[in-house]
């Protein structure tokens, strides 16, 4: 997958998670905060503001930080599968 297509895929997936998270904040069926966190984790590789926001959230809410780390590992594994990269772990 070329760099441009990969970047577009990351942006689309990240923003979809953010939008699902916003909808989930108002609907009891979806876990809004979790979707927003996953979206921020995905977008943090492309946007400085997302990375800084994640850093502030991790400092302020250490328990959520652990959840975010687990979500980051899952999101990274998913992105590796989608982009066809081999697992380096």
PDB file of N, CA and C in Angstrom:
ATOM      1  N   UNK A   1       0.856  -1.171   0.000  1.00  0.00           N
ATOM      2  CA  UNK A   1       0.000   0.000   0.000  1.00  0.00           C
ATOM      3  C   UNK A   1       0.903   1.236   0.000  1.00  0.00           C
ATOM      4  N   UNK A   2       0.648   2.159  -0.909  1.00  0.00           N
ATOM      5  CA  UNK A   2       1.532   3.325  -0.951  1.00  0.00           C
ATOM      6  C   UNK A   2       1.219   4.293   0.194  1.00  0.00           C
ATOM      7  N   UNK A   3       2.149   5.212   0.436  1.00  0.00           N
ATOM      8  CA  UNK A   3       2.045   6.130   1.576  1.00  0.00           C
ATOM      9  C   UNK A   3       0.793   6.980   1.535  1.00  0.00           C
ATOM     10  N   UNK A   4       0.449   7.467   0.359  1.00  0.00           N
ATOM     11  CA  UNK A   4      -0.715   8.352   0.246  1.00  0.00           C
ATOM     12  C   UNK A   4      -2.005   7.607   0.585  1.00  0.00           C
ATOM     13  N   UNK A   5      -2.149   6.404   0.066  1.00  0.00           N
ATOM     14  CA  UNK A   5      -3.354   5.615   0.343  1.00  0.00           C
ATOM     15  C   UNK A   5      -3.410   5.223   1.814  1.00  0.00           C
ATOM     16  N   UNK A   6      -2.258   4.901   2.402  1.00  0.00           N
ATOM     17  CA  UNK A   6      -2.208   4.539   3.813  1.00  0.00           C
ATOM     18  C   UNK A   6      -2.614   5.722   4.686  1.00  0.00           C
ATOM     19  N   UNK A   7      -2.125   6.904   4.344  1.00  0.00           N
ATOM     20  CA  UNK A   7      -2.466   8.097   5.124  1.00  0.00           C
ATOM     21  C   UNK A   7      -3.958   8.393   5.037  1.00  0.00           C
ATOM     22  N   UNK A   8      -4.517   8.272   3.853  1.00  0.00           N
ATOM     23  CA  UNK A   8      -5.955   8.498   3.687  1.00  0.00           C
ATOM     24  C   UNK A   8      -6.750   7.480   4.493  1.00  0.00           C
ATOM     25  N   UNK A   9      -6.325   6.216   4.458  1.00  0.00           N
ATOM     26  CA  UNK A   9      -7.013   5.176   5.228  1.00  0.00           C
ATOM     27  C   UNK A   9      -6.967   5.474   6.719  1.00  0.00           C
ATOM     28  N   UNK A  10      -5.815   5.900   7.220  1.00  0.00           N
ATOM     29  CA  UNK A  10      -5.682   6.230   8.642  1.00  0.00           C
ATOM     30  C   UNK A  10      -6.592   7.397   9.009  1.00  0.00           C
ATOM     31  N   UNK A  11      -6.612   8.426   8.179  1.00  0.00           N
ATOM     32  CA  UNK A  11      -7.457   9.584   8.464  1.00  0.00           C
ATOM     33  C   UNK A  11      -8.939   9.216   8.445  1.00  0.00           C
ATOM     34  N   UNK A  12      -9.345   8.442   7.456  1.00  0.00           N
ATOM     35  CA  UNK A  12     -10.760   8.061   7.355  1.00  0.00           C
ATOM     36  C   UNK A  12     -11.172   7.211   8.550  1.00  0.00           C
ATOM     37  N   UNK A  13     -10.372   6.206   8.875  1.00  0.00           N
ATOM     38  CA  UNK A  13     -10.703   5.325  10.005  1.00  0.00           C
ATOM     39  C   UNK A  13     -10.713   6.110  11.315  1.00  0.00           C
ATOM     40  N   UNK A  14      -9.723   6.972  11.513  1.00  0.00           N
ATOM     41  CA  UNK A  14      -9.672   7.774  12.731  1.00  0.00           C
ATOM     42  C   UNK A  14     -10.876   8.672  12.890  1.00  0.00           C
ATOM     43  N   UNK A  15     -11.246   9.368  11.831  1.00  0.00           N
ATOM     44  CA  UNK A  15     -12.402  10.260  11.898  1.00  0.00           C
ATOM     45  C   UNK A  15     -13.713   9.500  12.039  1.00  0.00           C
ATOM     46  N   UNK A  16     -13.796   8.306  11.452  1.00  0.00           N
ATOM     47  CA  UNK A  16     -15.001   7.488  11.625  1.00  0.00           C
ATOM     48  C   UNK A  16     -15.154   7.105  13.096  1.00  0.00           C
ATOM     49  N   UNK A  17     -14.052   6.723  13.732  1.00  0.00           N
ATOM     50  CA  UNK A  17     -14.119   6.401  15.154  1.00  0.00           C
ATOM     51  C   UNK A  17     -14.501   7.619  15.990  1.00  0.00           C
ATOM     52  N   UNK A  18     -13.966   8.772  15.649  1.00  0.00           N
ATOM     53  CA  UNK A  18     -14.335  10.003  16.373  1.00  0.00           C
ATOM     54  C   UNK A  18     -15.833  10.275  16.223  1.00  0.00           C
ATOM     55  N   UNK A  19     -16.340  10.182  15.011  1.00  0.00           N
ATOM     56  CA  UNK A  19     -17.767  10.425  14.777  1.00  0.00           C
ATOM     57  C   UNK A  19     -18.641   9.396  15.496  1.00  0.00           C
ATOM     58  N   UNK A  20     -18.239   8.124  15.452  1.00  0.00           N
ATOM     59  CA  UNK A  20     -18.976   7.099  16.194  1.00  0.00           C
ATOM     60  C   UNK A  20     -18.957   7.395  17.688  1.00  0.00           C
ATOM     61  N   UNK A  21     -17.834   7.880  18.169  1.00  0.00           N
ATOM     62  CA  UNK A  21     -17.728   8.240  19.580  1.00  0.00           C
ATOM     63  C   UNK A  21     -18.650   9.381  19.958  1.00  0.00           C
ATOM     64  N   UNK A  22     -18.738  10.380  19.106  1.00  0.00           N
ATOM     65  CA  UNK A  22     -19.635  11.511  19.375  1.00  0.00           C
ATOM     66  C   UNK A  22     -21.084  11.036  19.390  1.00  0.00           C
ATOM     67  N   UNK A  23     -21.446  10.194  18.422  1.00  0.00           N
ATOM     68  CA  UNK A  23     -22.798   9.635  18.400  1.00  0.00           C
ATOM     69  C   UNK A  23     -23.013   8.770  19.640  1.00  0.00           C
ATOM     70  N   UNK A  24     -21.985   8.009  20.012  1.00  0.00           N
ATOM     71  CA  UNK A  24     -22.083   7.137  21.176  1.00  0.00           C
ATOM     72  C   UNK A  24     -22.236   7.871  22.488  1.00  0.00           C
ATOM     73  N   UNK A  25     -21.814   9.126  22.538  1.00  0.00           N
ATOM     74  CA  UNK A  25     -22.006   9.907  23.757  1.00  0.00           C
ATOM     75  C   UNK A  25     -23.485  10.172  24.022  1.00  0.00           C
ATOM     76  N   UNK A  26     -24.289  10.142  22.956  1.00  0.00           N
ATOM     77  CA  UNK A  26     -25.719  10.429  23.086  1.00  0.00           C
ATOM     78  C   UNK A  26     -26.590   9.180  23.025  1.00  0.00           C
ATOM     79  N   UNK A  27     -26.055   8.088  22.519  1.00  0.00           N
ATOM     80  CA  UNK A  27     -26.800   6.836  22.428  1.00  0.00           C
ATOM     81  C   UNK A  27     -26.271   5.846  23.454  1.00  0.00           C
ATOM     82  N   UNK A  28     -27.156   5.183  24.170  1.00  0.00           N
ATOM     83  CA  UNK A  28     -26.691   4.245  25.187  1.00  0.00           C
ATOM     84  C   UNK A  28     -26.109   2.947  24.611  1.00  0.00           C
ATOM     85  N   UNK A  29     -26.304   2.691  23.332  1.00  0.00           N
ATOM     86  CA  UNK A  29     -25.851   1.449  22.717  1.00  0.00           C
ATOM     87  C   UNK A  29     -24.345   1.462  22.470  1.00  0.00           C
ATOM     88  N   UNK A  30     -23.781   2.589  22.078  1.00  0.00           N
ATOM     89  CA  UNK A  30     -22.363   2.696  21.738  1.00  0.00           C
ATOM     90  C   UNK A  30     -21.551   3.208  22.930  1.00  0.00           C
ATOM     91  N   UNK A  31     -20.312   2.768  23.020  1.00  0.00           N
ATOM     92  CA  UNK A  31     -19.386   3.260  24.037  1.00  0.00           C
ATOM     93  C   UNK A  31     -18.668   4.488  23.477  1.00  0.00           C
ATOM     94  N   UNK A  32     -19.243   5.655  23.671  1.00  0.00           N
ATOM     95  CA  UNK A  32     -18.741   6.878  23.069  1.00  0.00           C
ATOM     96  C   UNK A  32     -17.318   7.222  23.434  1.00  0.00           C
ATOM     97  N   UNK A  33     -16.981   7.145  24.708  1.00  0.00           N
ATOM     98  CA  UNK A  33     -15.641   7.527  25.150  1.00  0.00           C
ATOM     99  C   UNK A  33     -14.597   6.594  24.546  1.00  0.00           C
ATOM    100  N   UNK A  34     -14.904   5.306  24.509  1.00  0.00           N
ATOM    101  CA  UNK A  34     -13.965   4.347  23.941  1.00  0.00           C
ATOM    102  C   UNK A  34     -13.704   4.618  22.460  1.00  0.00           C
ATOM    103  N   UNK A  35     -14.770   4.890  21.711  1.00  0.00           N
ATOM    104  CA  UNK A  35     -14.597   5.185  20.289  1.00  0.00           C
ATOM    105  C   UNK A  35     -13.806   6.475  20.074  1.00  0.00           C
ATOM    106  N   UNK A  36     -14.049   7.474  20.898  1.00  0.00           N
ATOM    107  CA  UNK A  36     -13.297   8.731  20.782  1.00  0.00           C
ATOM    108  C   UNK A  36     -11.818   8.477  21.082  1.00  0.00           C
ATOM    109  N   UNK A  37     -11.539   7.692  22.126  1.00  0.00           N
ATOM    110  CA  UNK A  37     -10.147   7.386  22.461  1.00  0.00           C
ATOM    111  C   UNK A  37      -9.441   6.637  21.330  1.00  0.00           C
ATOM    112  N   UNK A  38     -10.110   5.635  20.774  1.00  0.00           N
ATOM    113  CA  UNK A  38      -9.506   4.887  19.670  1.00  0.00           C
ATOM    114  C   UNK A  38      -9.278   5.813  18.474  1.00  0.00           C
ATOM    115  N   UNK A  39     -10.235   6.668  18.189  1.00  0.00           N
ATOM    116  CA  UNK A  39     -10.074   7.627  17.092  1.00  0.00           C
ATOM    117  C   UNK A  39      -8.902   8.564  17.322  1.00  0.00           C
ATOM    118  N   UNK A  40      -8.762   9.050  18.553  1.00  0.00           N
ATOM    119  CA  UNK A  40      -7.631   9.927  18.874  1.00  0.00           C
ATOM    120  C   UNK A  40      -6.302   9.193  18.757  1.00  0.00           C
ATOM    121  N   UNK A  41      -6.285   7.942  19.190  1.00  0.00           N
ATOM    122  CA  UNK A  41      -5.053   7.158  19.089  1.00  0.00           C
ATOM    123  C   UNK A  41      -4.654   6.992  17.632  1.00  0.00           C
ATOM    124  N   UNK A  42      -5.620   6.679  16.788  1.00  0.00           N
ATOM    125  CA  UNK A  42      -5.331   6.506  15.366  1.00  0.00           C
ATOM    126  C   UNK A  42      -4.891   7.824  14.739  1.00  0.00           C
ATOM    127  N   UNK A  43      -5.593   8.902  15.062  1.00  0.00           N
ATOM    128  CA  UNK A  43      -5.267  10.207  14.471  1.00  0.00           C
ATOM    129  C   UNK A  43      -3.984  10.808  15.038  1.00  0.00           C
ATOM    130  N   UNK A  44      -3.543  10.341  16.202  1.00  0.00           N
ATOM    131  CA  UNK A  44      -2.342  10.916  16.808  1.00  0.00           C
ATOM    132  C   UNK A  44      -1.088  10.649  15.980  1.00  0.00           C
ATOM    133  N   UNK A  45      -1.142   9.670  15.098  1.00  0.00           N
ATOM    134  CA  UNK A  45       0.014   9.429  14.227  1.00  0.00           C
ATOM    135  C   UNK A  45       0.093  10.453  13.102  1.00  0.00           C
ATOM    136  N   UNK A  46      -1.000  11.161  12.843  1.00  0.00           N
ATOM    137  CA  UNK A  46      -1.039  12.139  11.753  1.00  0.00           C
ATOM    138  C   UNK A  46      -1.190  13.580  12.220  1.00  0.00           C
ATOM    139  N   UNK A  47      -1.813  13.781  13.387  1.00  0.00           N
ATOM    140  CA  UNK A  47      -2.098  15.133  13.875  1.00  0.00           C
ATOM    141  C   UNK A  47      -1.406  15.379  15.212  1.00  0.00           C
ATOM    142  N   UNK A  48      -0.706  16.493  15.318  1.00  0.00           N
ATOM    143  CA  UNK A  48      -0.035  16.866  16.563  1.00  0.00           C
ATOM    144  C   UNK A  48      -1.064  17.158  17.651  1.00  0.00           C
ATOM    145  N   UNK A  49      -2.168  17.821  17.304  1.00  0.00           N
ATOM    146  CA  UNK A  49      -3.178  18.172  18.305  1.00  0.00           C
ATOM    147  C   UNK A  49      -3.770  16.919  18.949  1.00  0.00           C
ATOM    148  N   UNK A  50      -3.953  15.848  18.189  1.00  0.00           N
ATOM    149  CA  UNK A  50      -4.497  14.609  18.751  1.00  0.00           C
ATOM    150  C   UNK A  50      -3.482  13.981  19.706  1.00  0.00           C
ATOM    151  N   UNK A  51      -2.219  14.019  19.332  1.00  0.00           N
ATOM    152  CA  UNK A  51      -1.165  13.477  20.190  1.00  0.00           C
ATOM    153  C   UNK A  51      -1.078  14.267  21.494  1.00  0.00           C
ATOM    154  N   UNK A  52      -1.147  15.583  21.411  1.00  0.00           N
ATOM    155  CA  UNK A  52      -1.081  16.416  22.614  1.00  0.00           C
ATOM    156  C   UNK A  52      -2.302  16.205  23.508  1.00  0.00           C
ATOM    157  N   UNK A  53      -3.475  16.050  22.900  1.00  0.00           N
ATOM    158  CA  UNK A  53      -4.686  15.808  23.672  1.00  0.00           C
ATOM    159  C   UNK A  53      -4.611  14.462  24.390  1.00  0.00           C
ATOM    160  N   UNK A  54      -4.105  13.449  23.726  1.00  0.00           N
ATOM    161  CA  UNK A  54      -3.919  12.147  24.364  1.00  0.00           C
ATOM    162  C   UNK A  54      -2.933  12.232  25.529  1.00  0.00           C
ATOM    163  N   UNK A  55      -1.870  12.980  25.350  1.00  0.00           N
ATOM    164  CA  UNK A  55      -0.881  13.148  26.416  1.00  0.00           C
ATOM    165  C   UNK A  55      -1.514  13.810  27.635  1.00  0.00           C
ATOM    166  N   UNK A  56      -2.300  14.849  27.423  1.00  0.00           N
ATOM    167  CA  UNK A  56      -2.968  15.523  28.536  1.00  0.00           C
ATOM    168  C   UNK A  56      -3.981  14.609  29.221  1.00  0.00           C
ATOM    169  N   UNK A  57      -4.722  13.834  28.432  1.00  0.00           N
ATOM    170  CA  UNK A  57      -5.693  12.907  29.020  1.00  0.00           C
ATOM    171  C   UNK A  57      -4.998  11.825  29.840  1.00  0.00           C
ATOM    172  N   UNK A  58      -3.864  11.341  29.354  1.00  0.00           N
ATOM    173  CA  UNK A  58      -3.119  10.308  30.092  1.00  0.00           C
ATOM    174  C   UNK A  58      -2.585  10.845  31.411  1.00  0.00           C
ATOM    175  N   UNK A  59      -2.154  12.098  31.433  1.00  0.00           N
ATOM    176  CA  UNK A  59      -1.648  12.693  32.671  1.00  0.00           C
ATOM    177  C   UNK A  59      -2.771  12.937  33.667  1.00  0.00           C
ATOM    178  N   UNK A  60      -3.898  13.375  33.170  1.00  0.00           N
ATOM    179  CA  UNK A  60      -5.008  13.726  34.056  1.00  0.00           C
ATOM    180  C   UNK A  60      -5.782  12.500  34.544  1.00  0.00           C
ATOM    181  N   UNK A  61      -5.918  11.496  33.682  1.00  0.00           N
ATOM    182  CA  UNK A  61      -6.695  10.298  34.010  1.00  0.00           C
ATOM    183  C   UNK A  61      -5.842   9.048  33.797  1.00  0.00           C
ATOM    184  N   UNK A  62      -5.041   8.667  34.793  1.00  0.00           N
ATOM    185  CA  UNK A  62      -4.146   7.516  34.620  1.00  0.00           C
ATOM    186  C   UNK A  62      -4.886   6.202  34.372  1.00  0.00           C
ATOM    187  N   UNK A  63      -6.072   6.023  34.952  1.00  0.00           N
ATOM    188  CA  UNK A  63      -6.827   4.793  34.727  1.00  0.00           C
ATOM    189  C   UNK A  63      -7.268   4.705  33.269  1.00  0.00           C
ATOM    190  N   UNK A  64      -7.710   5.810  32.721  1.00  0.00           N
ATOM    191  CA  UNK A  64      -8.089   5.839  31.302  1.00  0.00           C
ATOM    192  C   UNK A  64      -6.856   5.649  30.436  1.00  0.00           C
ATOM    193  N   UNK A  65      -5.716   6.085  30.939  1.00  0.00           N
ATOM    194  CA  UNK A  65      -4.466   5.917  30.202  1.00  0.00           C
ATOM    195  C   UNK A  65      -4.166   4.448  29.959  1.00  0.00           C
ATOM    196  N   UNK A  66      -4.386   3.620  30.962  1.00  0.00           N
ATOM    197  CA  UNK A  66      -4.154   2.184  30.785  1.00  0.00           C
ATOM    198  C   UNK A  66      -5.122   1.607  29.755  1.00  0.00           C
ATOM    199  N   UNK A  67      -6.369   2.051  29.805  1.00  0.00           N
ATOM    200  CA  UNK A  67      -7.359   1.607  28.818  1.00  0.00           C
ATOM    201  C   UNK A  67      -6.968   2.084  27.431  1.00  0.00           C
ATOM    202  N   UNK A  68      -6.461   3.306  27.345  1.00  0.00           N
ATOM    203  CA  UNK A  68      -6.038   3.850  26.054  1.00  0.00           C
ATOM    204  C   UNK A  68      -4.847   3.076  25.499  1.00  0.00           C
ATOM    205  N   UNK A  69      -3.941   2.663  26.374  1.00  0.00           N
ATOM    206  CA  UNK A  69      -2.791   1.879  25.916  1.00  0.00           C
ATOM    207  C   UNK A  69      -3.243   0.542  25.342  1.00  0.00           C
ATOM    208  N   UNK A  70      -4.179  -0.104  26.024  1.00  0.00           N
ATOM    209  CA  UNK A  70      -4.700  -1.380  25.520  1.00  0.00           C
ATOM    210  C   UNK A  70      -5.402  -1.166  24.182  1.00  0.00           C
ATOM    211  N   UNK A  71      -6.162  -0.083  24.078  1.00  0.00           N
ATOM    212  CA  UNK A  71      -6.848   0.224  22.818  1.00  0.00           C
ATOM    213  C   UNK A  71      -5.835   0.557  21.720  1.00  0.00           C
ATOM    214  N   UNK A  72      -4.747   1.217  22.090  1.00  0.00           N
ATOM    215  CA  UNK A  72      -3.716   1.553  21.098  1.00  0.00           C
ATOM    216  C   UNK A  72      -3.083   0.297  20.521  1.00  0.00           C
ATOM    217  N   UNK A  73      -2.826  -0.685  21.380  1.00  0.00           N
ATOM    218  CA  UNK A  73      -2.239  -1.935  20.889  1.00  0.00           C
ATOM    219  C   UNK A  73      -3.207  -2.656  19.959  1.00  0.00           C
ATOM    220  N   UNK A  74      -4.486  -2.661  20.317  1.00  0.00           N
ATOM    221  CA  UNK A  74      -5.486  -3.303  19.459  1.00  0.00           C
ATOM    222  C   UNK A  74      -5.625  -2.562  18.136  1.00  0.00           C
ATOM    223  N   UNK A  75      -5.635  -1.227  18.199  1.00  0.00           N
ATOM    224  CA  UNK A  75      -5.762  -0.438  16.973  1.00  0.00           C
ATOM    225  C   UNK A  75      -4.539  -0.624  16.076  1.00  0.00           C
ATOM    226  N   UNK A  76      -3.352  -0.686  16.680  1.00  0.00           N
ATOM    227  CA  UNK A  76      -2.137  -0.893  15.886  1.00  0.00           C
ATOM    228  C   UNK A  76      -2.147  -2.253  15.215  1.00  0.00           C
ATOM    229  N   UNK A  77      -2.596  -3.271  15.953  1.00  0.00           N
ATOM    230  CA  UNK A  77      -2.675  -4.613  15.367  1.00  0.00           C
ATOM    231  C   UNK A  77      -3.683  -4.632  14.221  1.00  0.00           C
ATOM    232  N   UNK A  78      -4.800  -3.967  14.409  1.00  0.00           N
ATOM    233  CA  UNK A  78      -5.819  -3.897  13.355  1.00  0.00           C
ATOM    234  C   UNK A  78      -5.281  -3.171  12.129  1.00  0.00           C
ATOM    235  N   UNK A  79      -4.579  -2.061  12.341  1.00  0.00           N
ATOM    236  CA  UNK A  79      -4.028  -1.306  11.213  1.00  0.00           C
ATOM    237  C   UNK A  79      -2.972  -2.123  10.470  1.00  0.00           C
ATOM    238  N   UNK A  80      -2.177  -2.908  11.209  1.00  0.00           N
ATOM    239  CA  UNK A  80      -1.190  -3.775  10.558  1.00  0.00           C
ATOM    240  C   UNK A  80      -1.884  -4.810   9.691  1.00  0.00           C
ATOM    241  N   UNK A  81      -2.989  -5.374  10.185  1.00  0.00           N
ATOM    242  CA  UNK A  81      -3.725  -6.359   9.380  1.00  0.00           C
ATOM    243  C   UNK A  81      -4.319  -5.715   8.148  1.00  0.00           C
ATOM    244  N   UNK A  82      -4.889  -4.516   8.315  1.00  0.00           N
ATOM    245  CA  UNK A  82      -5.532  -3.828   7.185  1.00  0.00           C
ATOM    246  C   UNK A  82      -4.498  -3.443   6.132  1.00  0.00           C
ATOM    247  N   UNK A  83      -3.349  -2.953   6.568  1.00  0.00           N
ATOM    248  CA  UNK A  83      -2.347  -2.495   5.607  1.00  0.00           C
ATOM    249  C   UNK A  83      -1.451  -3.614   5.127  1.00  0.00           C
ATOM    250  N   UNK A  84      -1.570  -4.800   5.716  1.00  0.00           N
ATOM    251  CA  UNK A  84      -0.792  -5.951   5.260  1.00  0.00           C
ATOM    252  C   UNK A  84       0.634  -5.985   5.777  1.00  0.00           C
ATOM    253  N   UNK A  85       0.937  -5.206   6.798  1.00  0.00           N
ATOM    254  CA  UNK A  85       2.287  -5.215   7.367  1.00  0.00           C
ATOM    255  C   UNK A  85       2.430  -6.409   8.296  1.00  0.00           C
ATOM    256  N   UNK A  86       3.637  -6.916   8.403  1.00  0.00           N
ATOM    257  CA  UNK A  86       3.912  -8.042   9.302  1.00  0.00           C
ATOM    258  C   UNK A  86       4.000  -7.557  10.728  1.00  0.00           C
ATOM    259  N   UNK A  87       3.612  -8.411  11.654  1.00  0.00           N
ATOM    260  CA  UNK A  87       3.669  -8.107  13.085  1.00  0.00           C
ATOM    261  C   UNK A  87       5.108  -8.161  13.575  1.00  0.00           C
ATOM    262  N   UNK A  88       5.589  -7.092  14.201  1.00  0.00           N
ATOM    263  CA  UNK A  88       6.982  -7.007  14.644  1.00  0.00           C
ATOM    264  C   UNK A  88       7.144  -7.415  16.098  1.00  0.00           C
ATOM    265  N   UNK A  89       6.078  -7.748  16.818  1.00  0.00           N
ATOM    266  CA  UNK A  89       6.168  -8.102  18.244  1.00  0.00           C
ATOM    267  C   UNK A  89       6.770  -9.447  18.456  1.00  0.00           C
TER     268      UNK A  89
END
